C-alpha cells in the first residue's frame, strides 16, 4: 500500500483523537509491530542522557503501550492542542501545545514537534518528540 499526504495526516490526526479519548488500543493498532518510539536516533539528550521515563527509547507496540500506562498513572493533562499537521507520503510533523502536571506536582507547558514516519503499509514505523528537554528534566521521574 502506498500512502499519500492525506493518509499520513489523517492517521496522525486519528492517533491524537484516540489519545484525547483515552483509546490506547486505537493508537497501538496504527503502529508497526516493530515501531521505533524515540529510539531511532543516535544521540538525543532527552532520550540518552536525561533518562526521562516518558521519553525513554521504546521499540515495539508493547513498549509504547507501557509509555501510555506511565502517562495514565502519573500525569494529569490540562491541554493537548494539535496546532497543525504537515505531511507528505512518508512523514508527518505535528505542532503541539501541551500542558500537564508531572508526578512530582510540577506543572509544565511546552511547545513540541512530533515527527511521524510511515512504512509501506501505512503504519507508523517511527515517532520522535522534539521537546524543551530542560523543562521536562526537572519534573519527571527517571
Protein backbone atom coordinates (compact mmCIF):
# COMPACT_ATOMS: atom_id res chain seq x y z
CA UNK A 1 0.00 0.00 0.00
CA UNK A 2 1.35 3.40 -0.92
CA UNK A 3 0.48 6.20 1.45
CA UNK A 4 -0.34 9.76 0.47
CA UNK A 5 -0.01 13.05 2.35
CA UNK A 6 -3.72 12.81 3.12
CA UNK A 7 -3.28 9.29 4.54
CA UNK A 8 -0.37 10.21 6.80
CA UNK A 9 -2.10 13.35 8.02
CA UNK A 10 -5.39 11.59 8.73
CA UNK A 11 -3.60 8.76 10.56
CA UNK A 12 -1.76 11.22 12.81
CA UNK A 13 -4.97 13.15 13.47
CA UNK A 14 -6.73 9.87 14.35
CA UNK A 15 -3.92 8.97 16.76
CA UNK A 16 -4.28 12.31 18.55
CA UNK A 17 -8.06 11.92 18.70
CA UNK A 18 -7.59 8.45 20.23
CA UNK A 19 -5.13 9.89 22.77
CA UNK A 20 -7.66 12.56 23.70
CA UNK A 21 -10.36 9.97 24.32
CA UNK A 22 -8.04 7.53 26.10
CA UNK A 23 -8.36 4.89 23.36
CA UNK A 24 -4.83 3.49 23.58
CA UNK A 25 -5.63 0.30 21.58
CA UNK A 26 -6.63 2.52 18.63
CA UNK A 27 -3.21 4.19 18.80
CA UNK A 28 -1.33 0.90 19.03
CA UNK A 29 -3.27 -0.51 16.05
CA UNK A 30 -1.81 2.22 13.84
CA UNK A 31 1.77 1.36 14.79
CA UNK A 32 4.03 -1.13 13.03
CA UNK A 33 4.84 -4.17 15.19
CA UNK A 34 8.49 -3.01 15.43
CA UNK A 35 7.77 0.72 15.78
CA UNK A 36 10.65 2.89 16.96
CA UNK A 37 9.39 5.42 19.53
CA UNK A 38 12.10 7.99 20.28
CA UNK A 39 14.58 5.17 19.58
CA UNK A 40 15.84 5.81 16.06
CA UNK A 41 18.47 8.48 16.61
CA UNK A 42 21.97 8.09 17.93
CA UNK A 43 22.40 10.88 20.46
CA UNK A 44 19.35 12.78 21.58
CA UNK A 45 19.96 14.24 25.04
CA UNK A 46 16.49 13.63 26.48
CA UNK A 47 16.49 10.02 25.41
CA UNK A 48 20.11 9.06 26.04
CA UNK A 49 21.29 11.21 28.96
CA UNK A 50 18.37 12.73 30.82
CA UNK A 51 16.83 9.30 31.45
CA UNK A 52 13.26 10.58 31.46
CA UNK A 53 10.78 7.73 31.85
CA UNK A 54 8.30 9.31 29.45
CA UNK A 55 10.94 9.85 26.71
CA UNK A 56 12.90 6.63 27.12
CA UNK A 57 13.54 4.97 23.75
CA UNK A 58 10.98 2.26 23.06
CA UNK A 59 10.65 -0.40 20.40
CA UNK A 60 7.51 -2.29 19.50
CA UNK A 61 3.86 -1.86 20.38
CA UNK A 62 4.19 -3.41 23.84
CA UNK A 63 6.84 -0.91 24.95
CA UNK A 64 4.82 2.01 23.55
CA UNK A 65 1.83 0.66 25.48
CA UNK A 66 3.97 0.82 28.63
CA UNK A 67 4.57 4.51 27.94
CA UNK A 68 0.85 5.21 27.86
CA UNK A 69 0.46 3.31 31.14
CA UNK A 70 3.13 5.57 32.71
CA UNK A 71 1.38 8.69 31.40
CA UNK A 72 -2.04 7.50 32.57
CA UNK A 73 -0.82 6.60 36.04
CA UNK A 74 1.14 9.69 36.96
CA UNK A 75 0.43 12.64 34.68
CA UNK A 76 -2.53 14.99 34.56
CA UNK A 77 -3.08 16.65 31.19
CA UNK A 78 -4.60 20.12 31.19
CA UNK A 79 -4.09 20.89 27.50
CA UNK A 80 -3.10 18.93 24.43
CA UNK A 81 -3.67 21.03 21.34
CA UNK A 82 -2.69 19.98 17.85
CA UNK A 83 -1.84 23.33 16.28
CA UNK A 84 -1.05 21.98 12.81
CA UNK A 85 -0.10 18.82 10.95
CA UNK A 86 2.10 18.97 7.86
CA UNK A 87 2.62 15.82 5.81
CA UNK A 88 3.92 14.11 2.72
CA UNK A 89 3.64 10.49 1.63
CA UNK A 90 6.19 9.15 4.20
CA UNK A 91 6.18 11.62 7.09
CA UNK A 92 4.02 13.97 9.10
CA UNK A 93 5.06 16.67 11.55
CA UNK A 94 2.66 17.90 14.19
CA UNK A 95 2.98 21.14 16.13
CA UNK A 96 1.67 20.52 19.65
CA UNK A 97 0.95 22.72 22.66
CA UNK A 98 0.88 20.65 25.80
CA UNK A 99 0.34 21.43 29.46
CA UNK A 100 0.41 18.82 32.18
CA UNK A 101 1.19 18.19 35.81
CA UNK A 102 4.04 15.72 36.30
CA UNK A 103 4.10 13.06 39.05
CA UNK A 104 6.09 15.38 41.35
CA UNK A 105 3.40 18.09 41.07
CA UNK A 106 5.30 20.34 38.67
CA UNK A 107 3.11 21.90 36.01
CA UNK A 108 4.74 22.14 32.59
CA UNK A 109 3.66 23.92 29.44
CA UNK A 110 5.63 23.12 26.30
CA UNK A 111 5.51 23.54 22.56
CA UNK A 112 6.61 20.36 20.84
CA UNK A 113 7.10 18.90 17.40
CA UNK A 114 6.27 15.27 16.77
CA UNK A 115 7.84 13.61 13.72
CA UNK A 116 5.90 10.60 12.43
CA UNK A 117 7.39 8.26 9.80
CA UNK A 118 5.32 5.65 7.97
CA UNK A 119 6.17 2.29 6.44
CA UNK A 120 4.99 0.96 3.08
CA UNK A 121 1.82 -0.41 4.73
CA UNK A 122 0.74 2.99 6.04
CA UNK A 123 1.60 2.19 9.67
CA UNK A 124 3.77 4.34 11.91
CA UNK A 125 7.30 2.97 11.83
CA UNK A 126 8.89 5.74 13.88
CA UNK A 127 7.90 8.62 16.15
CA UNK A 128 10.18 11.28 17.62
CA UNK A 129 9.43 14.01 20.15
CA UNK A 130 11.21 17.36 19.82
CA UNK A 131 10.80 19.00 23.23
CA UNK A 132 12.26 21.55 25.60
CA UNK A 133 14.29 18.95 27.49
CA UNK A 134 15.18 21.30 30.35
CA UNK A 135 11.52 21.75 31.27
CA UNK A 136 10.98 18.01 31.49
CA UNK A 137 14.24 17.12 33.23
CA UNK A 138 13.41 18.84 36.49
CA UNK A 139 9.98 17.32 36.90
CA UNK A 140 9.77 13.78 35.64
CA UNK A 141 10.91 10.60 37.33
CA UNK A 142 13.80 8.74 35.74
